[in-house]
PDB file of N, CA and C in Angstrom:
ATOM      1  N   MET A   1      95.002  69.534  95.522  1.00  0.00           N
ATOM      2  CA  MET A   1      93.831  70.199  96.061  1.00  0.00           C
ATOM      3  C   MET A   1      93.196  71.038  94.946  1.00  0.00           C
ATOM      4  N   THR A   2      91.880  70.932  94.800  1.00  0.00           N
ATOM      5  CA  THR A   2      91.178  71.693  93.771  1.00  0.00           C
ATOM      6  C   THR A   2      90.951  73.126  94.238  1.00  0.00           C
ATOM      7  N   TYR A   3      90.608  73.991  93.285  1.00  0.00           N
ATOM      8  CA  TYR A   3      90.294  75.380  93.624  1.00  0.00           C
ATOM      9  C   TYR A   3      89.176  75.418  94.663  1.00  0.00           C
ATOM     10  N   SER A   4      88.140  74.623  94.449  1.00  0.00           N
ATOM     11  CA  SER A   4      87.005  74.625  95.366  1.00  0.00           C
ATOM     12  C   SER A   4      87.431  74.258  96.787  1.00  0.00           C
ATOM     13  N   GLU A   5      88.294  73.260  96.910  1.00  0.00           N
ATOM     14  CA  GLU A   5      88.778  72.859  98.230  1.00  0.00           C
ATOM     15  C   GLU A   5      89.613  73.965  98.873  1.00  0.00           C
ATOM     16  N   ILE A   6      90.473  74.591  98.073  1.00  0.00           N
ATOM     17  CA  ILE A   6      91.288  75.703  98.587  1.00  0.00           C
ATOM     18  C   ILE A   6      90.383  76.840  99.029  1.00  0.00           C
ATOM     19  N   TYR A   7      89.435  77.194  98.162  1.00  0.00           N
ATOM     20  CA  TYR A   7      88.543  78.312  98.463  1.00  0.00           C
ATOM     21  C   TYR A   7      87.761  78.068  99.745  1.00  0.00           C
ATOM     22  N   HIS A   8      87.174  76.892  99.846  1.00  0.00           N
ATOM     23  CA  HIS A   8      86.351  76.612 101.020  1.00  0.00           C
ATOM     24  C   HIS A   8      87.184  76.466 102.288  1.00  0.00           C
ATOM     25  N   SER A   9      88.440  76.063 102.154  1.00  0.00           N
ATOM     26  CA  SER A   9      89.293  75.998 103.342  1.00  0.00           C
ATOM     27  C   SER A   9      89.681  77.396 103.803  1.00  0.00           C
ATOM     28  N   VAL A  10      89.780  78.334 102.860  1.00  0.00           N
ATOM     29  CA  VAL A  10      90.129  79.717 103.211  1.00  0.00           C
ATOM     30  C   VAL A  10      88.909  80.460 103.707  1.00  0.00           C
ATOM     31  N   LYS A  11      87.820  80.368 102.978  1.00  0.00           N
ATOM     32  CA  LYS A  11      86.653  81.188 103.264  1.00  0.00           C
ATOM     33  C   LYS A  11      85.576  80.448 104.042  1.00  0.00           C
ATOM     34  N   GLY A  12      85.301  79.221 103.649  1.00  0.00           N
ATOM     35  CA  GLY A  12      84.262  78.466 104.324  1.00  0.00           C
ATOM     36  C   GLY A  12      82.858  78.986 104.075  1.00  0.00           C
ATOM     37  N   ALA A  13      82.664  79.758 103.019  1.00  0.00           N
ATOM     38  CA  ALA A  13      81.354  80.310 102.702  1.00  0.00           C
ATOM     39  C   ALA A  13      81.189  80.323 101.190  1.00  0.00           C
ATOM     40  N   LYS A  14      79.976  80.613 100.753  1.00  0.00           N
ATOM     41  CA  LYS A  14      79.705  80.602  99.321  1.00  0.00           C
ATOM     42  C   LYS A  14      80.137  81.893  98.639  1.00  0.00           C
ATOM     43  N   LYS A  15      80.131  82.996  99.346  1.00  0.00           N
ATOM     44  CA  LYS A  15      80.508  84.275  98.742  1.00  0.00           C
ATOM     45  C   LYS A  15      81.952  84.603  99.092  1.00  0.00           C
ATOM     46  N   MET A  16      82.651  85.116  98.115  1.00  0.00           N
ATOM     47  CA  MET A  16      84.054  85.444  98.298  1.00  0.00           C
ATOM     48  C   MET A  16      84.192  86.943  98.543  1.00  0.00           C
ATOM     49  N   ILE A  17      85.061  87.317  99.445  1.00  0.00           N
ATOM     50  CA  ILE A  17      85.361  88.725  99.614  1.00  0.00           C
ATOM     51  C   ILE A  17      86.599  89.044  98.772  1.00  0.00           C
ATOM     52  N   PHE A  18      86.796  90.299  98.497  1.00  0.00           N
ATOM     53  CA  PHE A  18      87.869  90.710  97.597  1.00  0.00           C
ATOM     54  C   PHE A  18      89.242  90.208  98.030  1.00  0.00           C
ATOM     55  N   ASN A  19      89.561  90.320  99.297  1.00  0.00           N
ATOM     56  CA  ASN A  19      90.900  89.909  99.738  1.00  0.00           C
ATOM     57  C   ASN A  19      91.125  88.416  99.552  1.00  0.00           C
ATOM     58  N   ASP A  20      90.089  87.613  99.726  1.00  0.00           N
ATOM     59  CA  ASP A  20      90.218  86.178  99.469  1.00  0.00           C
ATOM     60  C   ASP A  20      90.560  85.947  98.002  1.00  0.00           C
ATOM     61  N   TYR A  21      89.815  86.602  97.138  1.00  0.00           N
ATOM     62  CA  TYR A  21      90.083  86.474  95.702  1.00  0.00           C
ATOM     63  C   TYR A  21      91.516  86.901  95.404  1.00  0.00           C
ATOM     64  N   GLN A  22      91.914  88.038  95.946  1.00  0.00           N
ATOM     65  CA  GLN A  22      93.244  88.585  95.684  1.00  0.00           C
ATOM     66  C   GLN A  22      94.333  87.574  96.051  1.00  0.00           C
ATOM     67  N   LYS A  23      94.212  86.991  97.226  1.00  0.00           N
ATOM     68  CA  LYS A  23      95.226  86.027  97.678  1.00  0.00           C
ATOM     69  C   LYS A  23      95.242  84.777  96.808  1.00  0.00           C
ATOM     70  N   LEU A  24      94.081  84.240  96.536  1.00  0.00           N
ATOM     71  CA  LEU A  24      94.005  83.023  95.727  1.00  0.00           C
ATOM     72  C   LEU A  24      94.453  83.269  94.290  1.00  0.00           C
ATOM     73  N   ALA A  25      94.021  84.379  93.714  1.00  0.00           N
ATOM     74  CA  ALA A  25      94.384  84.681  92.323  1.00  0.00           C
ATOM     75  C   ALA A  25      95.896  84.830  92.180  1.00  0.00           C
ATOM     76  N   PHE A  26      96.521  85.468  93.160  1.00  0.00           N
ATOM     77  CA  PHE A  26      97.959  85.728  93.045  1.00  0.00           C
ATOM     78  C   PHE A  26      98.774  84.444  93.118  1.00  0.00           C
ATOM     79  N   THR A  27      98.207  83.378  93.649  1.00  0.00           N
ATOM     80  CA  THR A  27      98.935  82.101  93.672  1.00  0.00           C
ATOM     81  C   THR A  27      99.102  81.536  92.264  1.00  0.00           C
ATOM     82  N   THR A  28      98.372  82.077  91.291  1.00  0.00           N
ATOM     83  CA  THR A  28      98.486  81.621  89.903  1.00  0.00           C
ATOM     84  C   THR A  28      99.391  82.523  89.071  1.00  0.00           C
ATOM     85  N   ALA A  29      99.958  83.551  89.686  1.00  0.00           N
ATOM     86  CA  ALA A  29     100.794  84.514  88.946  1.00  0.00           C
ATOM     87  C   ALA A  29     102.053  83.836  88.420  1.00  0.00           C
ATOM     88  N   GLN A  30     102.347  84.108  87.148  1.00  0.00           N
ATOM     89  CA  GLN A  30     103.564  83.622  86.512  1.00  0.00           C
ATOM     90  C   GLN A  30     104.052  84.691  85.547  1.00  0.00           C
ATOM     91  N   TYR A  31     104.886  85.563  86.041  1.00  0.00           N
ATOM     92  CA  TYR A  31     105.484  86.593  85.194  1.00  0.00           C
ATOM     93  C   TYR A  31     106.812  87.003  85.809  1.00  0.00           C
ATOM     94  N   PRO A  32     107.657  87.683  85.041  1.00  0.00           N
ATOM     95  CA  PRO A  32     108.985  88.043  85.542  1.00  0.00           C
ATOM     96  C   PRO A  32     108.933  88.949  86.771  1.00  0.00           C
ATOM     97  N   ASN A  33     109.802  88.698  87.712  1.00  0.00           N
ATOM     98  CA  ASN A  33     109.980  89.538  88.906  1.00  0.00           C
ATOM     99  C   ASN A  33     108.686  89.743  89.690  1.00  0.00           C
ATOM    100  N   ILE A  34     107.975  88.655  89.915  1.00  0.00           N
ATOM    101  CA  ILE A  34     106.733  88.730  90.701  1.00  0.00           C
ATOM    102  C   ILE A  34     107.040  89.393  92.040  1.00  0.00           C
ATOM    103  N   GLY A  35     106.187  90.326  92.414  1.00  0.00           N
ATOM    104  CA  GLY A  35     106.370  91.055  93.659  1.00  0.00           C
ATOM    105  C   GLY A  35     107.125  92.364  93.480  1.00  0.00           C
ATOM    106  N   GLU A  36     107.687  92.555  92.301  1.00  0.00           N
ATOM    107  CA  GLU A  36     108.448  93.782  92.007  1.00  0.00           C
ATOM    108  C   GLU A  36     108.163  94.269  90.592  1.00  0.00           C
ATOM    109  N   ASN A  37     106.988  93.974  90.058  1.00  0.00           N
ATOM    110  CA  ASN A  37     106.741  94.266  88.652  1.00  0.00           C
ATOM    111  C   ASN A  37     105.320  94.760  88.397  1.00  0.00           C
ATOM    112  N   PRO A  38     104.954  95.913  88.949  1.00  0.00           N
ATOM    113  CA  PRO A  38     103.601  96.415  88.689  1.00  0.00           C
ATOM    114  C   PRO A  38     103.376  96.771  87.223  1.00  0.00           C
ATOM    115  N   ILE A  39     104.433  97.101  86.503  1.00  0.00           N
ATOM    116  CA  ILE A  39     104.284  97.485  85.094  1.00  0.00           C
ATOM    117  C   ILE A  39     103.713  96.326  84.283  1.00  0.00           C
ATOM    118  N   TYR A  40     104.171  95.115  84.559  1.00  0.00           N
ATOM    119  CA  TYR A  40     103.630  93.949  83.867  1.00  0.00           C
ATOM    120  C   TYR A  40     102.120  93.859  84.089  1.00  0.00           C
ATOM    121  N   CYS A  41     101.691  94.076  85.320  1.00  0.00           N
ATOM    122  CA  CYS A  41     100.265  94.003  85.647  1.00  0.00           C
ATOM    123  C   CYS A  41      99.476  95.104  84.953  1.00  0.00           C
ATOM    124  N   ILE A  42     100.035  96.295  84.883  1.00  0.00           N
ATOM    125  CA  ILE A  42      99.356  97.404  84.208  1.00  0.00           C
ATOM    126  C   ILE A  42      99.169  97.081  82.733  1.00  0.00           C
ATOM    127  N   LEU A  43     100.222  96.564  82.106  1.00  0.00           N
ATOM    128  CA  LEU A  43     100.129  96.212  80.684  1.00  0.00           C
ATOM    129  C   LEU A  43      99.104  95.104  80.464  1.00  0.00           C
ATOM    130  N   GLY A  44      99.084  94.107  81.348  1.00  0.00           N
ATOM    131  CA  GLY A  44      98.097  93.043  81.244  1.00  0.00           C
ATOM    132  C   GLY A  44      96.687  93.566  81.429  1.00  0.00           C
ATOM    133  N   LEU A  45      96.508  94.479  82.377  1.00  0.00           N
ATOM    134  CA  LEU A  45      95.196  95.080  82.622  1.00  0.00           C
ATOM    135  C   LEU A  45      94.712  95.834  81.380  1.00  0.00           C
ATOM    136  N   CYS A  46      95.594  96.592  80.775  1.00  0.00           N
ATOM    137  CA  CYS A  46      95.228  97.320  79.548  1.00  0.00           C
ATOM    138  C   CYS A  46      94.829  96.352  78.438  1.00  0.00           C
ATOM    139  N   GLY A  47      95.601  95.290  78.280  1.00  0.00           N
ATOM    140  CA  GLY A  47      95.303  94.307  77.242  1.00  0.00           C
ATOM    141  C   GLY A  47      93.964  93.627  77.453  1.00  0.00           C
ATOM    142  N   GLU A  48      93.698  93.203  78.672  1.00  0.00           N
ATOM    143  CA  GLU A  48      92.438  92.512  78.958  1.00  0.00           C
ATOM    144  C   GLU A  48      91.245  93.455  78.855  1.00  0.00           C
ATOM    145  N   THR A  49      91.424  94.703  79.271  1.00  0.00           N
ATOM    146  CA  THR A  49      90.352  95.696  79.127  1.00  0.00           C
ATOM    147  C   THR A  49      90.040  95.912  77.655  1.00  0.00           C
ATOM    148  N   GLY A  50      91.080  95.927  76.834  1.00  0.00           N
ATOM    149  CA  GLY A  50      90.895  96.037  75.391  1.00  0.00           C
ATOM    150  C   GLY A  50      90.114  94.853  74.826  1.00  0.00           C
ATOM    151  N   GLU A  51      90.363  93.656  75.370  1.00  0.00           N
ATOM    152  CA  GLU A  51      89.626  92.484  74.905  1.00  0.00           C
ATOM    153  C   GLU A  51      88.139  92.591  75.250  1.00  0.00           C
ATOM    154  N   VAL A  52      87.814  93.138  76.415  1.00  0.00           N
ATOM    155  CA  VAL A  52      86.408  93.368  76.769  1.00  0.00           C
ATOM    156  C   VAL A  52      85.793  94.343  75.763  1.00  0.00           C
ATOM    157  N   ALA A  53      86.484  95.438  75.508  1.00  0.00           N
ATOM    158  CA  ALA A  53      85.980  96.445  74.576  1.00  0.00           C
ATOM    159  C   ALA A  53      85.811  95.861  73.172  1.00  0.00           C
ATOM    160  N   GLU A  54      86.737  95.038  72.754  1.00  0.00           N
ATOM    161  CA  GLU A  54      86.675  94.412  71.434  1.00  0.00           C
ATOM    162  C   GLU A  54      85.444  93.516  71.304  1.00  0.00           C
ATOM    163  N   LYS A  55      85.156  92.736  72.333  1.00  0.00           N
ATOM    164  CA  LYS A  55      83.984  91.855  72.285  1.00  0.00           C
ATOM    165  C   LYS A  55      82.691  92.679  72.227  1.00  0.00           C
ATOM    166  N   ILE A  56      82.653  93.774  72.969  1.00  0.00           N
ATOM    167  CA  ILE A  56      81.465  94.628  72.952  1.00  0.00           C
ATOM    168  C   ILE A  56      81.335  95.328  71.603  1.00  0.00           C
ATOM    169  N   LYS A  57      82.465  95.759  71.041  1.00  0.00           N
ATOM    170  CA  LYS A  57      82.442  96.378  69.714  1.00  0.00           C
ATOM    171  C   LYS A  57      81.847  95.433  68.686  1.00  0.00           C
ATOM    172  N   LYS A  58      82.222  94.155  68.773  1.00  0.00           N
ATOM    173  CA  LYS A  58      81.717  93.176  67.814  1.00  0.00           C
ATOM    174  C   LYS A  58      80.236  92.892  68.020  1.00  0.00           C
ATOM    175  N   VAL A  59      79.740  93.011  69.238  1.00  0.00           N
ATOM    176  CA  VAL A  59      78.299  92.885  69.468  1.00  0.00           C
ATOM    177  C   VAL A  59      77.578  94.019  68.755  1.00  0.00           C
ATOM    178  N   ILE A  60      78.140  95.214  68.822  1.00  0.00           N
ATOM    179  CA  ILE A  60      77.539  96.369  68.143  1.00  0.00           C
ATOM    180  C   ILE A  60      77.602  96.181  66.633  1.00  0.00           C
ATOM    181  N   ARG A  61      78.764  95.760  66.134  1.00  0.00           N
ATOM    182  CA  ARG A  61      78.964  95.615  64.693  1.00  0.00           C
ATOM    183  C   ARG A  61      78.177  94.448  64.113  1.00  0.00           C
ATOM    184  N   ASP A  62      78.268  93.299  64.768  1.00  0.00           N
ATOM    185  CA  ASP A  62      77.737  92.063  64.181  1.00  0.00           C
ATOM    186  C   ASP A  62      76.343  91.690  64.650  1.00  0.00           C
ATOM    187  N   ASN A  63      75.889  92.280  65.749  1.00  0.00           N
ATOM    188  CA  ASN A  63      74.639  91.827  66.348  1.00  0.00           C
ATOM    189  C   ASN A  63      73.705  92.992  66.685  1.00  0.00           C
ATOM    190  N   ASN A  64      73.931  94.118  66.033  1.00  0.00           N
ATOM    191  CA  ASN A  64      73.092  95.305  66.247  1.00  0.00           C
ATOM    192  C   ASN A  64      72.972  95.688  67.718  1.00  0.00           C
ATOM    193  N   GLY A  65      74.032  95.452  68.496  1.00  0.00           N
ATOM    194  CA  GLY A  65      74.041  95.833  69.902  1.00  0.00           C
ATOM    195  C   GLY A  65      73.272  94.902  70.815  1.00  0.00           C
ATOM    196  N   LYS A  66      72.828  93.768  70.305  1.00  0.00           N
ATOM    197  CA  LYS A  66      72.064  92.824  71.121  1.00  0.00           C
ATOM    198  C   LYS A  66      73.017  91.782  71.696  1.00  0.00           C
ATOM    199  N   PHE A  67      73.018  91.670  73.014  1.00  0.00           N
ATOM    200  CA  PHE A  67      73.906  90.757  73.720  1.00  0.00           C
ATOM    201  C   PHE A  67      73.240  89.389  73.873  1.00  0.00           C
ATOM    202  N   THR A  68      73.782  88.394  73.179  1.00  0.00           N
ATOM    203  CA  THR A  68      73.297  87.028  73.353  1.00  0.00           C
ATOM    204  C   THR A  68      73.911  86.457  74.626  1.00  0.00           C
ATOM    205  N   GLN A  69      73.336  85.386  75.124  1.00  0.00           N
ATOM    206  CA  GLN A  69      73.893  84.734  76.315  1.00  0.00           C
ATOM    207  C   GLN A  69      75.320  84.266  76.043  1.00  0.00           C
ATOM    208  N   GLU A  70      75.575  83.798  74.847  1.00  0.00           N
ATOM    209  CA  GLU A  70      76.926  83.354  74.471  1.00  0.00           C
ATOM    210  C   GLU A  70      77.928  84.510  74.571  1.00  0.00           C
ATOM    211  N   LYS A  71      77.556  85.673  74.067  1.00  0.00           N
ATOM    212  CA  LYS A  71      78.456  86.840  74.118  1.00  0.00           C
ATOM    213  C   LYS A  71      78.655  87.318  75.556  1.00  0.00           C
ATOM    214  N   ILE A  72      77.598  87.265  76.342  1.00  0.00           N
ATOM    215  CA  ILE A  72      77.711  87.669  77.748  1.00  0.00           C
ATOM    216  C   ILE A  72      78.691  86.753  78.478  1.00  0.00           C
ATOM    217  N   ILE A  73      78.640  85.474  78.202  1.00  0.00           N
ATOM    218  CA  ILE A  73      79.566  84.527  78.827  1.00  0.00           C
ATOM    219  C   ILE A  73      81.010  84.810  78.397  1.00  0.00           C
ATOM    220  N   GLU A  74      81.203  85.132  77.122  1.00  0.00           N
ATOM    221  CA  GLU A  74      82.544  85.488  76.642  1.00  0.00           C
ATOM    222  C   GLU A  74      83.058  86.742  77.354  1.00  0.00           C
ATOM    223  N   ILE A  75      82.201  87.735  77.496  1.00  0.00           N
ATOM    224  CA  ILE A  75      82.584  88.984  78.168  1.00  0.00           C
ATOM    225  C   ILE A  75      82.861  88.720  79.639  1.00  0.00           C
ATOM    226  N   GLU A  76      82.070  87.866  80.253  1.00  0.00           N
ATOM    227  CA  GLU A  76      82.291  87.518  81.653  1.00  0.00           C
ATOM    228  C   GLU A  76      83.692  86.935  81.857  1.00  0.00           C
ATOM    229  N   LYS A  77      84.117  86.073  80.950  1.00  0.00           N
ATOM    230  CA  LYS A  77      85.462  85.490  81.049  1.00  0.00           C
ATOM    231  C   LYS A  77      86.537  86.571  80.958  1.00  0.00           C
ATOM    232  N   GLU A  78      86.353  87.502  80.039  1.00  0.00           N
ATOM    233  CA  GLU A  78      87.323  88.587  79.899  1.00  0.00           C
ATOM    234  C   GLU A  78      87.316  89.496  81.129  1.00  0.00           C
ATOM    235  N   LEU A  79      86.138  89.742  81.690  1.00  0.00           N
ATOM    236  CA  LEU A  79      86.060  90.547  82.914  1.00  0.00           C
ATOM    237  C   LEU A  79      86.783  89.851  84.063  1.00  0.00           C
ATOM    238  N   GLY A  80      86.732  88.534  84.093  1.00  0.00           N
ATOM    239  CA  GLY A  80      87.498  87.783  85.082  1.00  0.00           C
ATOM    240  C   GLY A  80      88.990  88.024  84.924  1.00  0.00           C
ATOM    241  N   ASP A  81      89.459  88.088  83.676  1.00  0.00           N
ATOM    242  CA  ASP A  81      90.877  88.377  83.433  1.00  0.00           C
ATOM    243  C   ASP A  81      91.228  89.805  83.865  1.00  0.00           C
ATOM    244  N   VAL A  82      90.318  90.748  83.634  1.00  0.00           N
ATOM    245  CA  VAL A  82      90.520  92.127  84.098  1.00  0.00           C
ATOM    246  C   VAL A  82      90.640  92.130  85.625  1.00  0.00           C
ATOM    247  N   LEU A  83      89.749  91.419  86.280  1.00  0.00           N
ATOM    248  CA  LEU A  83      89.778  91.350  87.738  1.00  0.00           C
ATOM    249  C   LEU A  83      91.091  90.749  88.235  1.00  0.00           C
ATOM    250  N   TRP A  84      91.573  89.715  87.548  1.00  0.00           N
ATOM    251  CA  TRP A  84      92.843  89.095  87.942  1.00  0.00           C
ATOM    252  C   TRP A  84      93.974  90.120  87.915  1.00  0.00           C
ATOM    253  N   TYR A  85      94.045  90.893  86.838  1.00  0.00           N
ATOM    254  CA  TYR A  85      95.123  91.886  86.738  1.00  0.00           C
ATOM    255  C   TYR A  85      94.956  93.020  87.743  1.00  0.00           C
ATOM    256  N   ILE A  86      93.730  93.401  88.044  1.00  0.00           N
ATOM    257  CA  ILE A  86      93.516  94.404  89.094  1.00  0.00           C
ATOM    258  C   ILE A  86      94.034  93.860  90.423  1.00  0.00           C
ATOM    259  N   ALA A  87      93.698  92.606  90.718  1.00  0.00           N
ATOM    260  CA  ALA A  87      94.160  91.992  91.966  1.00  0.00           C
ATOM    261  C   ALA A  87      95.678  91.882  91.998  1.00  0.00           C
ATOM    262  N   ALA A  88      96.277  91.492  90.871  1.00  0.00           N
ATOM    263  CA  ALA A  88      97.739  91.365  90.823  1.00  0.00           C
ATOM    264  C   ALA A  88      98.408  92.726  90.995  1.00  0.00           C
ATOM    265  N   LEU A  89      97.869  93.751  90.342  1.00  0.00           N
ATOM    266  CA  LEU A  89      98.437  95.097  90.476  1.00  0.00           C
ATOM    267  C   LEU A  89      98.312  95.579  91.913  1.00  0.00           C
ATOM    268  N   ALA A  90      97.165  95.364  92.520  1.00  0.00           N
ATOM    269  CA  ALA A  90      96.991  95.758  93.923  1.00  0.00           C
ATOM    270  C   ALA A  90      98.006  95.040  94.799  1.00  0.00           C
ATOM    271  N   THR A  91      98.204  93.759  94.557  1.00  0.00           N
ATOM    272  CA  THR A  91      99.174  92.993  95.336  1.00  0.00           C
ATOM    273  C   THR A  91     100.579  93.542  95.144  1.00  0.00           C
ATOM    274  N   GLU A  92     100.938  93.833  93.906  1.00  0.00           N
ATOM    275  CA  GLU A  92     102.264  94.398  93.620  1.00  0.00           C
ATOM    276  C   GLU A  92     102.494  95.716  94.367  1.00  0.00           C
ATOM    277  N   LEU A  93     101.420  96.480  94.557  1.00  0.00           N
ATOM    278  CA  LEU A  93     101.523  97.786  95.216  1.00  0.00           C
ATOM    279  C   LEU A  93     101.189  97.717  96.709  1.00  0.00           C
ATOM    280  N   ASN A  94     101.077  96.492  97.231  1.00  0.00           N
ATOM    281  CA  ASN A  94     100.747  96.276  98.647  1.00  0.00           C
ATOM    282  C   ASN A  94      99.437  96.953  99.045  1.00  0.00           C
ATOM    283  N   LEU A  95      98.457  96.854  98.155  1.00  0.00           N
ATOM    284  CA  LEU A  95      97.127  97.382  98.419  1.00  0.00           C
ATOM    285  C   LEU A  95      96.156  96.222  98.593  1.00  0.00           C
ATOM    286  N   SER A  96      95.115  96.457  99.338  1.00  0.00           N
ATOM    287  CA  SER A  96      94.086  95.461  99.595  1.00  0.00           C
ATOM    288  C   SER A  96      92.871  95.753  98.722  1.00  0.00           C
ATOM    289  N   LEU A  97      92.371  94.734  98.019  1.00  0.00           N
ATOM    290  CA  LEU A  97      91.158  94.941  97.225  1.00  0.00           C
ATOM    291  C   LEU A  97      89.978  95.328  98.106  1.00  0.00           C
ATOM    292  N   ASP A  98      89.898  94.777  99.306  1.00  0.00           N
ATOM    293  CA  ASP A  98      88.830  95.183 100.224  1.00  0.00           C
ATOM    294  C   ASP A  98      88.911  96.683 100.509  1.00  0.00           C
ATOM    295  N   ASP A  99      90.117  97.179 100.794  1.00  0.00           N
ATOM    296  CA  ASP A  99      90.292  98.606 101.072  1.00  0.00           C
ATOM    297  C   ASP A  99      89.974  99.454  99.848  1.00  0.00           C
ATOM    298  N   ILE A 100      90.432  99.011  98.687  1.00  0.00           N
ATOM    299  CA  ILE A 100      90.164  99.750  97.444  1.00  0.00           C
ATOM    300  C   ILE A 100      88.660  99.857  97.226  1.00  0.00           C
ATOM    301  N   ALA A 101      87.948  98.726  97.366  1.00  0.00           N
ATOM    302  CA  ALA A 101      86.497  98.720  97.154  1.00  0.00           C
ATOM    303  C   ALA A 101      85.788  99.606  98.177  1.00  0.00           C
ATOM    304  N   SER A 102      86.194  99.497  99.440  1.00  0.00           N
ATOM    305  CA  SER A 102      85.560 100.307 100.494  1.00  0.00           C
ATOM    306  C   SER A 102      85.779 101.795 100.268  1.00  0.00           C
ATOM    307  N   LYS A 103      87.005 102.164  99.948  1.00  0.00           N
ATOM    308  CA  LYS A 103      87.307 103.582  99.715  1.00  0.00           C
ATOM    309  C   LYS A 103      86.578 104.116  98.493  1.00  0.00           C
ATOM    310  N   ASN A 104      86.439 103.266  97.463  1.00  0.00           N
ATOM    311  CA  ASN A 104      85.718 103.689  96.274  1.00  0.00           C
ATOM    312  C   ASN A 104      84.253 103.944  96.596  1.00  0.00           C
ATOM    313  N   LEU A 105      83.629 103.033  97.361  1.00  0.00           N
ATOM    314  CA  LEU A 105      82.230 103.241  97.734  1.00  0.00           C
ATOM    315  C   LEU A 105      82.064 104.471  98.620  1.00  0.00           C
ATOM    316  N   GLU A 106      82.999 104.664  99.530  1.00  0.00           N
ATOM    317  CA  GLU A 106      82.959 105.854 100.395  1.00  0.00           C
ATOM    318  C   GLU A 106      82.993 107.121  99.541  1.00  0.00           C
ATOM    319  N   LYS A 107      83.882 107.151  98.553  1.00  0.00           N
ATOM    320  CA  LYS A 107      83.994 108.305  97.654  1.00  0.00           C
ATOM    321  C   LYS A 107      82.698 108.509  96.878  1.00  0.00           C
ATOM    322  N   LEU A 108      82.154 107.421  96.318  1.00  0.00           N
ATOM    323  CA  LEU A 108      80.949 107.536  95.504  1.00  0.00           C
ATOM    324  C   LEU A 108      79.743 107.980  96.320  1.00  0.00           C
ATOM    325  N   PHE A 109      79.571 107.422  97.526  1.00  0.00           N
ATOM    326  CA  PHE A 109      78.439 107.823  98.361  1.00  0.00           C
ATOM    327  C   PHE A 109      78.591 109.258  98.861  1.00  0.00           C
ATOM    328  N   SER A 110      79.822 109.703  99.074  1.00  0.00           N
ATOM    329  CA  SER A 110      80.048 111.100  99.439  1.00  0.00           C
ATOM    330  C   SER A 110      79.635 112.009  98.284  1.00  0.00           C
ATOM    331  N   ARG A 111      80.031 111.642  97.078  1.00  0.00           N
ATOM    332  CA  ARG A 111      79.634 112.433  95.908  1.00  0.00           C
ATOM    333  C   ARG A 111      78.121 112.440  95.740  1.00  0.00           C
ATOM    334  N   LYS A 112      77.507 111.286  95.933  1.00  0.00           N
ATOM    335  CA  LYS A 112      76.054 111.204  95.799  1.00  0.00           C
ATOM    336  C   LYS A 112      75.366 112.103  96.817  1.00  0.00           C
ATOM    337  N   LYS A 113      75.824 112.042  98.067  1.00  0.00           N
ATOM    338  CA  LYS A 113      75.237 112.846  99.138  1.00  0.00           C
ATOM    339  C   LYS A 113      75.368 114.338  98.834  1.00  0.00           C
ATOM    340  N   ARG A 114      76.497 114.718  98.223  1.00  0.00           N
ATOM    341  CA  ARG A 114      76.742 116.133  97.906  1.00  0.00           C
ATOM    342  C   ARG A 114      76.267 116.514  96.507  1.00  0.00           C
ATOM    343  N   ASN A 115      75.565 115.570  95.843  1.00  0.00           N
ATOM    344  CA  ASN A 115      75.071 115.789  94.480  1.00  0.00           C
ATOM    345  C   ASN A 115      76.217 116.119  93.507  1.00  0.00           C
ATOM    346  N   LYS A 116      77.305 115.359  93.629  1.00  0.00           N
ATOM    347  CA  LYS A 116      78.489 115.579  92.789  1.00  0.00           C
ATOM    348  C   LYS A 116      78.850 114.340  91.965  1.00  0.00           C
ATOM    349  N   ILE A 117      77.889 113.423  91.764  1.00  0.00           N
ATOM    350  CA  ILE A 117      78.177 112.228  90.944  1.00  0.00           C
ATOM    351  C   ILE A 117      78.552 112.665  89.529  1.00  0.00           C
ATOM    352  N   LYS A 118      77.798 113.576  88.966  1.00  0.00           N
ATOM    353  CA  LYS A 118      78.120 114.105  87.639  1.00  0.00           C
ATOM    354  C   LYS A 118      79.197 115.162  87.765  1.00  0.00           C
ATOM    355  N   GLY A 119      79.920 115.340  86.707  1.00  0.00           N
ATOM    356  CA  GLY A 119      80.945 116.372  86.701  1.00  0.00           C
ATOM    357  C   GLY A 119      82.304 115.804  86.390  1.00  0.00           C
ATOM    358  N   ASN A 120      83.310 116.635  86.542  1.00  0.00           N
ATOM    359  CA  ASN A 120      84.678 116.257  86.215  1.00  0.00           C
ATOM    360  C   ASN A 120      85.578 116.417  87.441  1.00  0.00           C
ATOM    361  N   GLY A 121      86.677 115.714  87.395  1.00  0.00           N
ATOM    362  CA  GLY A 121      87.683 115.863  88.447  1.00  0.00           C
ATOM    363  C   GLY A 121      87.622 114.747  89.455  1.00  0.00           C
ATOM    364  N   ASP A 122      88.786 114.317  89.904  1.00  0.00           N
ATOM    365  CA  ASP A 122      88.871 113.242  90.871  1.00  0.00           C
ATOM    366  C   ASP A 122      88.393 113.657  92.257  1.00  0.00           C
ATOM    367  N   ASN A 123      88.596 114.916  92.621  1.00  0.00           N
ATOM    368  CA  ASN A 123      88.320 115.365  93.984  1.00  0.00           C
ATOM    369  C   ASN A 123      87.094 116.259  94.061  1.00  0.00           C
ATOM    370  N   ARG A 124      86.024 115.850  93.432  1.00  0.00           N
ATOM    371  CA  ARG A 124      84.805 116.675  93.479  1.00  0.00           C
ATOM    372  C   ARG A 124      83.894 116.269  94.613  1.00  0.00           C
TER     373      ARG A 124
END
C-alpha cells in the first residue's frame, strides 16, 4: 500500500490534521527502544533544526539573503524532518499534536488579547 492509499484510507480528505500525520509518521520510526526513548527524538529534533539553520545561513552567506525556489524546497524538506521529530517526541510523551497545536494557539491568542505577545517569560 502506498502512502497516498494509507493516507486517504485514514483521512479521506485532501488536508491532513496533526494527529493523522503523527500516527502515520510514527509508523516509519526506526530507533532503539521505540516508545521509551524521548531522548533520541530530542537529539534528532536538535539535529534537524540545526540543518534548517545551516541552510538559511548559507542563503545569507552565498546568496545575499535571497531565497531561490531551489533553496526553499531544500528548507521545506528539512522542515519536514523537524516535524517528524516533533511528532515522534510527542508520541513518546503520549501527547497529541492536535492538543499541542490547540493549546499553543489558545496561549498565543490570550497573549494577543492581553497585549502580551511581546515580552519575556512563558507565563505572560
